[in-house]
Amino acid sequence: MTKPPATRHPLHNRRAFRNALLDWFDQNGPDYPWRQTADPYAILVSEIMLQQTTVAAVTRNNRFERFLAAFPTLESLAAAPEQKLLRAWEGLGYYQRARNLRKTARALLDRHHGDFPRDPALLEALPGIGPYTAAALAAFAFNQPVPAVDANVARVLARLFDHAHSIDSAPSRRQLRAWAAALLAPDQPRRFTSALMDLGQSLCRTAAPRCRTCPVRTFCTTRRPDALPVRKARRGTVEVTEHVLFVRRRDGALLLARESGSRRRGLWRLPERPPEEAVPFRLLATHVYNITHHKVTLHIHRCPPASVPPAPADHVERFHPPHSLNGLPMPSPFRKVIETLHAQRNKE
């Protein structure tokens, strides 16, 4: 698509740019739960949840509120048992983030007596907190004029300034941050940063940007917004096939395996076996799901308890009674499969 040329420059007309953006935000900005507080702990939780995860996934089923209900304070998070922590994080993926969040809580208690430092450099020195999260905490929790550039803001800025270089490079990241700092409304950084993020999320989207309704379209210097931002080529999707066993005893206990890989370590799932060991058992269902750059086709086979092929030596597998399943952390696709199969059994 080709958009009309800009009639004003965002840096030369900063006051007008800020007013246009903030007026739009006041009328259209969603009232997310983490925007209803200035508590740095709650904002930290929201920022870690939103890393590599959509807003919709975080707001779905009140995941943010439920996590805070389970761990309402730094102290409760720092002392969280592993399985309870992972269960509260379920559905958000990238479970190492939950462990890192617990490390952050422990470091805040050990180094700062539970008080969040206001200096972004001190925040960034905490485990699990990078430059963006430190800037976001400074802006949203302490209303400091610190530019926070996430993927949405980077996309808006690349189009505003017609930046035709890869935004993944270090020079581009510095340039985007400099533009964000120059545009930032110094008297209301929390509101301005939220507005810029929402603009990228709702109108200045990756695909099919809604330029006609954009409140700052007359400041946007690119003519081809759909060609920006420039990014490194994404990895292709890898297709994976998994065969797992559904093994249930007469008392209802279900055989589950504990994940040991870095991505899902500590979660419980249906035990996997090589195709030649699983295929002889009756196929119950096939489920397809996506995780990072993988598309997984999951085949579920019913296997009698007495016929379970031996597990690899380094695997932990055990039977869990039905009443304990809800409290176990599981990858979402496996919980959905198990709940579906249990529901089918109850109908039979």
Protein backbone atom coordinates (compact mmCIF):
# COMPACT_ATOMS: atom_id res chain seq x y z
CA MET A 1 0.00 0.00 0.00
CA THR A 2 1.05 3.62 -0.58
CA LYS A 3 -0.03 6.28 1.90
CA PRO A 4 -0.15 10.06 1.37
CA PRO A 5 3.03 11.96 2.27
CA ALA A 6 3.48 13.48 5.71
CA THR A 7 2.59 17.13 6.10
CA ARG A 8 4.38 17.51 9.44
CA HIS A 9 7.51 16.00 10.96
CA PRO A 10 7.14 14.28 14.36
CA LEU A 11 10.31 15.88 15.78
CA HIS A 12 9.68 19.34 14.36
CA ASN A 13 6.09 19.29 15.65
CA ARG A 14 6.47 17.35 18.87
CA ARG A 15 3.75 19.08 20.83
CA ALA A 16 1.19 18.52 18.07
CA PHE A 17 2.31 14.88 17.69
CA ARG A 18 1.96 14.21 21.42
CA ASN A 19 -1.43 15.88 21.63
CA ALA A 20 -2.79 13.93 18.67
CA LEU A 21 -1.55 10.62 20.08
CA LEU A 22 -2.74 11.26 23.63
CA ASP A 23 -6.17 12.50 22.55
CA TRP A 24 -6.62 9.29 20.57
CA PHE A 25 -5.40 7.19 23.51
CA ASP A 26 -7.81 8.83 25.94
CA GLN A 27 -10.71 7.79 23.71
CA ASN A 28 -9.46 4.41 22.55
CA GLY A 29 -6.88 3.04 24.99
CA PRO A 30 -7.93 -0.27 26.58
CA ASP A 31 -8.01 -0.37 30.36
CA TYR A 32 -5.82 -3.40 30.99
CA PRO A 33 -5.64 -4.56 34.61
CA TRP A 34 -1.93 -3.69 34.89
CA ARG A 35 -2.80 -0.11 33.95
CA GLN A 36 -5.00 0.20 37.00
CA THR A 37 -2.02 0.15 39.35
CA ALA A 38 1.37 1.76 39.87
CA ASP A 39 2.54 -1.12 42.07
CA PRO A 40 5.99 -2.04 40.67
CA TYR A 41 5.52 -5.70 41.63
CA ALA A 42 2.28 -6.03 39.64
CA ILE A 43 3.82 -4.16 36.71
CA LEU A 44 6.89 -6.42 36.81
CA VAL A 45 4.63 -9.49 36.62
CA SER A 46 2.72 -8.02 33.67
CA GLU A 47 5.88 -7.09 31.78
CA ILE A 48 7.41 -10.55 32.16
CA MET A 49 4.13 -12.15 31.11
CA LEU A 50 3.92 -9.96 28.02
CA GLN A 51 7.40 -10.90 26.82
CA GLN A 52 6.95 -13.02 23.67
CA THR A 53 3.27 -13.41 24.54
CA THR A 54 0.25 -11.58 23.18
CA VAL A 55 -1.92 -9.32 25.31
CA ALA A 56 -4.86 -11.60 24.50
CA ALA A 57 -3.05 -14.62 25.96
CA VAL A 58 -2.27 -12.73 29.17
CA THR A 59 -5.80 -11.39 29.63
CA ARG A 60 -7.45 -14.69 28.68
CA ASN A 61 -8.93 -16.46 31.70
CA ASN A 62 -7.67 -13.62 33.92
CA ARG A 63 -4.19 -15.11 33.97
CA PHE A 64 -2.58 -11.92 35.25
CA GLU A 65 -5.07 -11.49 38.08
CA ARG A 66 -4.94 -15.18 39.00
CA PHE A 67 -1.15 -15.15 39.20
CA LEU A 68 -1.23 -12.15 41.54
CA ALA A 69 -3.90 -13.86 43.62
CA ALA A 70 -1.63 -16.91 43.97
CA PHE A 71 1.47 -14.79 44.70
CA PRO A 72 0.30 -11.38 45.96
CA THR A 73 3.71 -10.23 47.26
CA LEU A 74 7.40 -10.49 46.47
CA GLU A 75 7.78 -12.67 49.55
CA SER A 76 5.15 -15.16 48.41
CA LEU A 77 6.67 -15.35 44.93
CA ALA A 78 10.20 -15.77 46.26
CA ALA A 79 9.01 -18.71 48.40
CA ALA A 80 6.83 -20.27 45.67
CA PRO A 81 7.15 -24.05 45.26
CA GLU A 82 8.18 -25.02 41.74
CA GLN A 83 5.01 -26.87 40.77
CA LYS A 84 2.68 -24.19 42.12
CA LEU A 85 4.68 -21.55 40.24
CA LEU A 86 4.54 -23.43 36.94
CA ARG A 87 0.84 -24.22 37.38
CA ALA A 88 0.08 -20.52 37.86
CA TRP A 89 2.07 -19.72 34.70
CA GLU A 90 0.33 -22.40 32.63
CA GLY A 91 -0.88 -21.26 29.22
CA LEU A 92 1.71 -18.50 28.87
CA GLY A 93 4.58 -20.64 27.60
CA TYR A 94 8.31 -19.95 27.95
CA TYR A 95 8.21 -21.27 31.49
CA GLN A 96 11.75 -20.20 32.26
CA ARG A 97 10.31 -16.69 32.54
CA ALA A 98 8.40 -17.77 35.64
CA ARG A 99 11.57 -19.09 37.24
CA ASN A 100 13.43 -15.91 36.32
CA LEU A 101 10.61 -13.86 37.83
CA ARG A 102 11.06 -15.78 41.08
CA LYS A 103 14.82 -15.08 40.91
CA THR A 104 14.03 -11.39 40.49
CA ALA A 105 11.80 -11.45 43.56
CA ARG A 106 14.51 -13.14 45.62
CA ALA A 107 17.14 -10.65 44.43
CA LEU A 108 14.90 -7.69 45.31
CA LEU A 109 14.47 -9.07 48.81
CA ASP A 110 18.17 -9.88 49.24
CA ARG A 111 19.68 -6.75 47.68
CA HIS A 112 17.03 -4.07 48.18
CA HIS A 113 15.01 -5.31 51.19
CA GLY A 114 11.98 -5.73 48.93
CA ASP A 115 12.03 -2.17 47.59
CA PHE A 116 12.18 -1.62 43.84
CA PRO A 117 15.03 0.72 42.85
CA ARG A 118 13.92 3.60 40.65
CA ASP A 119 17.19 3.79 38.71
CA PRO A 120 16.83 1.80 35.45
CA ALA A 121 20.49 0.75 35.70
CA LEU A 122 19.86 -0.84 39.11
CA LEU A 123 16.70 -2.49 37.82
CA GLU A 124 18.58 -3.89 34.84
CA ALA A 125 21.17 -5.38 37.19
CA LEU A 126 18.51 -7.69 38.64
CA PRO A 127 18.28 -11.24 37.25
CA GLY A 128 15.63 -11.69 34.59
CA ILE A 129 15.37 -7.97 33.79
CA GLY A 130 16.76 -6.62 30.52
CA PRO A 131 16.95 -3.07 29.18
CA TYR A 132 13.35 -2.98 27.97
CA THR A 133 11.83 -4.33 31.20
CA ALA A 134 13.91 -1.92 33.29
CA ALA A 135 12.71 0.99 31.14
CA ALA A 136 9.10 -0.19 31.30
CA LEU A 137 9.24 -0.41 35.10
CA ALA A 138 10.71 3.07 35.32
CA ALA A 139 8.00 4.46 33.03
CA PHE A 140 4.93 2.57 34.24
CA ALA A 141 5.68 2.11 37.94
CA PHE A 142 7.54 5.35 38.66
CA ASN A 143 6.35 7.58 35.80
CA GLN A 144 9.92 8.41 34.83
CA PRO A 145 10.69 9.87 31.35
CA VAL A 146 12.52 6.74 30.22
CA PRO A 147 11.76 5.46 26.69
CA ALA A 148 10.54 1.85 26.60
CA VAL A 149 10.76 0.38 23.09
CA ASP A 150 8.94 -2.92 22.62
CA ALA A 151 8.07 -4.55 19.28
CA ASN A 152 4.97 -2.37 18.84
CA VAL A 153 6.82 0.86 19.54
CA ALA A 154 9.70 -0.18 17.27
CA ARG A 155 7.27 -0.77 14.41
CA VAL A 156 5.59 2.63 14.91
CA LEU A 157 8.93 4.44 15.03
CA ALA A 158 10.33 2.66 11.98
CA ARG A 159 7.33 3.84 9.98
CA LEU A 160 7.19 7.32 11.46
CA PHE A 161 10.81 7.96 10.46
CA ASP A 162 10.88 5.74 7.34
CA HIS A 163 13.69 3.67 8.85
CA ALA A 164 14.64 1.19 6.14
CA HIS A 165 17.34 -0.66 8.12
CA SER A 166 16.94 -3.85 10.11
CA ILE A 167 15.53 -2.97 13.52
CA ASP A 168 17.29 -6.06 14.94
CA SER A 169 20.73 -4.45 14.63
CA ALA A 170 22.39 -2.65 17.54
CA PRO A 171 22.64 0.70 15.66
CA SER A 172 18.93 0.56 14.83
CA ARG A 173 18.00 -0.25 18.42
CA ARG A 174 19.99 2.78 19.58
CA GLN A 175 18.35 4.97 16.94
CA LEU A 176 14.83 3.81 17.82
CA ARG A 177 15.49 4.45 21.48
CA ALA A 178 16.79 7.94 20.65
CA TRP A 179 13.66 8.74 18.65
CA ALA A 180 11.45 7.40 21.44
CA ALA A 181 13.29 9.59 23.97
CA ALA A 182 12.93 12.65 21.74
CA LEU A 183 9.18 12.15 21.27
CA LEU A 184 8.39 11.20 24.86
CA ALA A 185 6.08 13.55 26.74
CA PRO A 186 8.31 14.31 29.77
CA ASP A 187 5.43 15.29 32.05
CA GLN A 188 3.41 12.11 31.45
CA PRO A 189 5.69 9.28 30.32
CA ARG A 190 3.42 6.50 31.62
CA ARG A 191 0.46 7.68 29.55
CA PHE A 192 2.50 8.51 26.45
CA THR A 193 4.35 5.18 26.40
CA SER A 194 1.10 3.26 26.79
CA ALA A 195 -0.41 5.27 23.92
CA LEU A 196 2.52 4.54 21.61
CA MET A 197 2.33 0.82 22.41
CA ASP A 198 -1.42 0.73 21.82
CA LEU A 199 -1.02 2.50 18.50
CA GLY A 200 1.30 -0.25 17.32
CA GLN A 201 -0.93 -2.98 18.66
CA SER A 202 -4.24 -1.73 17.29
CA LEU A 203 -3.63 0.44 14.19
CA CYS A 204 0.02 0.37 13.16
CA ARG A 205 -0.07 -3.40 12.94
CA THR A 206 2.43 -5.71 11.26
CA ALA A 207 -0.04 -6.66 8.54
CA ALA A 208 -2.60 -4.32 6.99
CA PRO A 209 -1.82 -1.16 9.00
CA ARG A 210 -4.87 1.06 9.39
CA CYS A 211 -3.29 4.28 8.21
CA ARG A 212 -6.56 6.00 7.36
CA THR A 213 -7.68 6.01 10.98
CA CYS A 214 -4.25 6.59 12.52
CA PRO A 215 -4.22 9.73 14.71
CA VAL A 216 -0.62 10.59 13.70
CA ARG A 217 -0.80 9.69 10.00
CA THR A 218 0.11 13.26 8.95
CA PHE A 219 3.41 12.91 10.86
CA CYS A 220 4.32 9.51 9.37
CA THR A 221 7.12 9.99 6.84
CA THR A 222 7.05 6.58 5.17
CA ARG A 223 5.05 6.09 2.00
CA ARG A 224 5.12 2.29 2.23
CA PRO A 225 4.20 1.33 5.81
CA ASP A 226 3.55 -2.29 4.87
CA ALA A 227 7.23 -2.65 3.89
CA LEU A 228 8.44 -1.64 7.35
CA PRO A 229 9.93 -2.47 9.71
CA VAL A 230 12.80 -4.38 8.15
CA ARG A 231 13.70 -7.44 10.20
CA LYS A 232 15.99 -10.42 9.95
CA ALA A 233 14.46 -13.35 8.12
CA ARG A 234 12.37 -15.47 10.44
CA ARG A 235 13.11 -19.12 10.97
CA GLY A 236 10.89 -21.46 9.02
CA THR A 237 8.33 -23.64 10.73
CA VAL A 238 9.58 -27.08 11.68
CA GLU A 239 7.00 -29.86 11.53
CA VAL A 240 7.22 -32.43 14.31
CA THR A 241 5.24 -35.60 14.94
CA GLU A 242 4.88 -37.00 18.44
CA HIS A 243 3.30 -40.27 19.59
CA VAL A 244 2.13 -40.39 23.20
CA LEU A 245 0.36 -42.95 25.35
CA PHE A 246 -2.89 -42.54 27.26
CA VAL A 247 -2.52 -45.03 30.10
CA ARG A 248 -5.24 -45.08 32.73
CA ARG A 249 -5.67 -47.59 35.54
CA ARG A 250 -9.03 -48.86 36.73
CA ASP A 251 -8.90 -46.46 39.69
CA GLY A 252 -8.65 -43.57 37.22
CA ALA A 253 -4.97 -42.79 37.85
CA LEU A 254 -3.23 -41.50 34.73
CA LEU A 255 0.37 -42.15 33.73
CA LEU A 256 2.29 -38.91 33.18
CA ALA A 257 5.90 -38.09 32.39
CA ARG A 258 7.82 -35.14 33.80
CA GLU A 259 9.42 -32.87 31.23
CA SER A 260 13.19 -32.50 31.49
CA GLY A 261 13.94 -30.20 28.56
CA SER A 262 14.75 -26.52 29.01
CA ARG A 263 11.47 -25.28 27.51
CA ARG A 264 9.03 -27.22 29.73
CA ARG A 265 11.17 -28.53 32.56
CA GLY A 266 9.07 -29.58 35.54
CA LEU A 267 5.76 -29.84 33.67
CA TRP A 268 3.81 -33.09 33.34
CA ARG A 269 2.59 -34.55 30.05
CA LEU A 270 1.48 -37.82 28.47
CA PRO A 271 4.49 -40.14 28.07
CA GLU A 272 6.05 -40.19 24.62
CA ARG A 273 7.32 -43.27 22.81
CA PRO A 274 8.92 -43.92 19.40
CA PRO A 275 6.36 -44.53 16.62
CA GLU A 276 7.20 -48.24 16.39
CA GLU A 277 6.29 -48.67 20.07
CA ALA A 278 3.16 -46.50 20.06
CA VAL A 279 1.51 -47.22 16.70
CA PRO A 280 0.47 -50.82 17.61
CA PHE A 281 -1.90 -49.35 20.24
CA ARG A 282 -5.30 -47.95 19.23
CA LEU A 283 -5.26 -44.35 18.07
CA LEU A 284 -7.59 -42.29 20.26
CA ALA A 285 -7.11 -38.83 18.79
CA THR A 286 -4.81 -36.53 16.84
CA HIS A 287 -4.17 -32.98 17.98
CA VAL A 288 -2.16 -30.25 16.22
CA TYR A 289 -0.59 -27.35 18.10
CA ASN A 290 2.12 -24.76 17.58
CA ILE A 291 5.02 -23.93 19.89
CA THR A 292 7.67 -21.35 18.98
CA HIS A 293 8.83 -22.32 15.48
CA HIS A 294 7.36 -25.81 15.58
CA LYS A 295 4.09 -27.26 14.35
CA VAL A 296 3.44 -30.42 16.33
CA THR A 297 1.11 -33.21 15.26
CA LEU A 298 0.30 -35.17 18.39
CA HIS A 299 -1.01 -38.73 18.07
CA ILE A 300 -2.56 -40.13 21.26
CA HIS A 301 -2.72 -43.93 21.64
CA ARG A 302 -4.62 -45.87 24.30
CA CYS A 303 -2.30 -48.28 26.04
CA PRO A 304 -3.24 -50.82 28.78
CA PRO A 305 -1.25 -50.32 32.02
CA ALA A 306 0.26 -53.81 31.70
CA SER A 307 1.54 -53.15 28.18
CA VAL A 308 3.42 -49.85 28.64
CA PRO A 309 6.76 -50.00 26.81
CA PRO A 310 9.69 -49.32 29.15
CA ALA A 311 10.52 -45.66 29.64
CA PRO A 312 14.00 -44.36 28.83
CA ALA A 313 16.32 -44.60 31.82
CA ASP A 314 16.45 -40.85 32.44
CA HIS A 315 12.65 -40.31 32.30
CA VAL A 316 10.43 -39.85 35.35
CA GLU A 317 6.96 -41.38 34.87
CA ARG A 318 4.33 -42.08 37.48
CA PHE A 319 0.58 -42.55 37.90
CA HIS A 320 -1.39 -39.59 39.24
CA PRO A 321 -4.89 -39.90 40.75
CA PRO A 322 -7.64 -37.89 39.01
CA HIS A 323 -8.07 -35.42 41.89
CA SER A 324 -4.39 -34.36 41.62
CA LEU A 325 -4.38 -33.48 37.92
CA ASN A 326 -5.76 -29.97 38.33
CA GLY A 327 -2.89 -29.02 40.60
CA LEU A 328 -0.15 -30.33 38.32
CA PRO A 329 1.53 -27.95 35.86
CA MET A 330 1.00 -29.16 32.30
CA PRO A 331 1.60 -27.81 28.81
CA SER A 332 -1.75 -26.43 27.66
CA PRO A 333 -2.10 -28.79 24.66
CA PHE A 334 -1.79 -31.81 26.95
CA ARG A 335 -4.27 -30.48 29.49
CA LYS A 336 -6.79 -29.91 26.70
CA VAL A 337 -6.25 -33.43 25.34
CA ILE A 338 -6.59 -35.04 28.77
CA GLU A 339 -9.72 -33.06 29.64
CA THR A 340 -11.28 -33.97 26.27
CA LEU A 341 -10.54 -37.68 26.70
CA HIS A 342 -11.88 -37.65 30.27
CA ALA A 343 -15.06 -35.93 29.06
CA GLN A 344 -15.51 -38.54 26.32
CA ARG A 345 -15.10 -41.32 28.87
CA ASN A 346 -17.74 -39.80 31.13
CA LYS A 347 -20.20 -39.75 28.22
CA GLU A 348 -19.61 -43.41 27.41
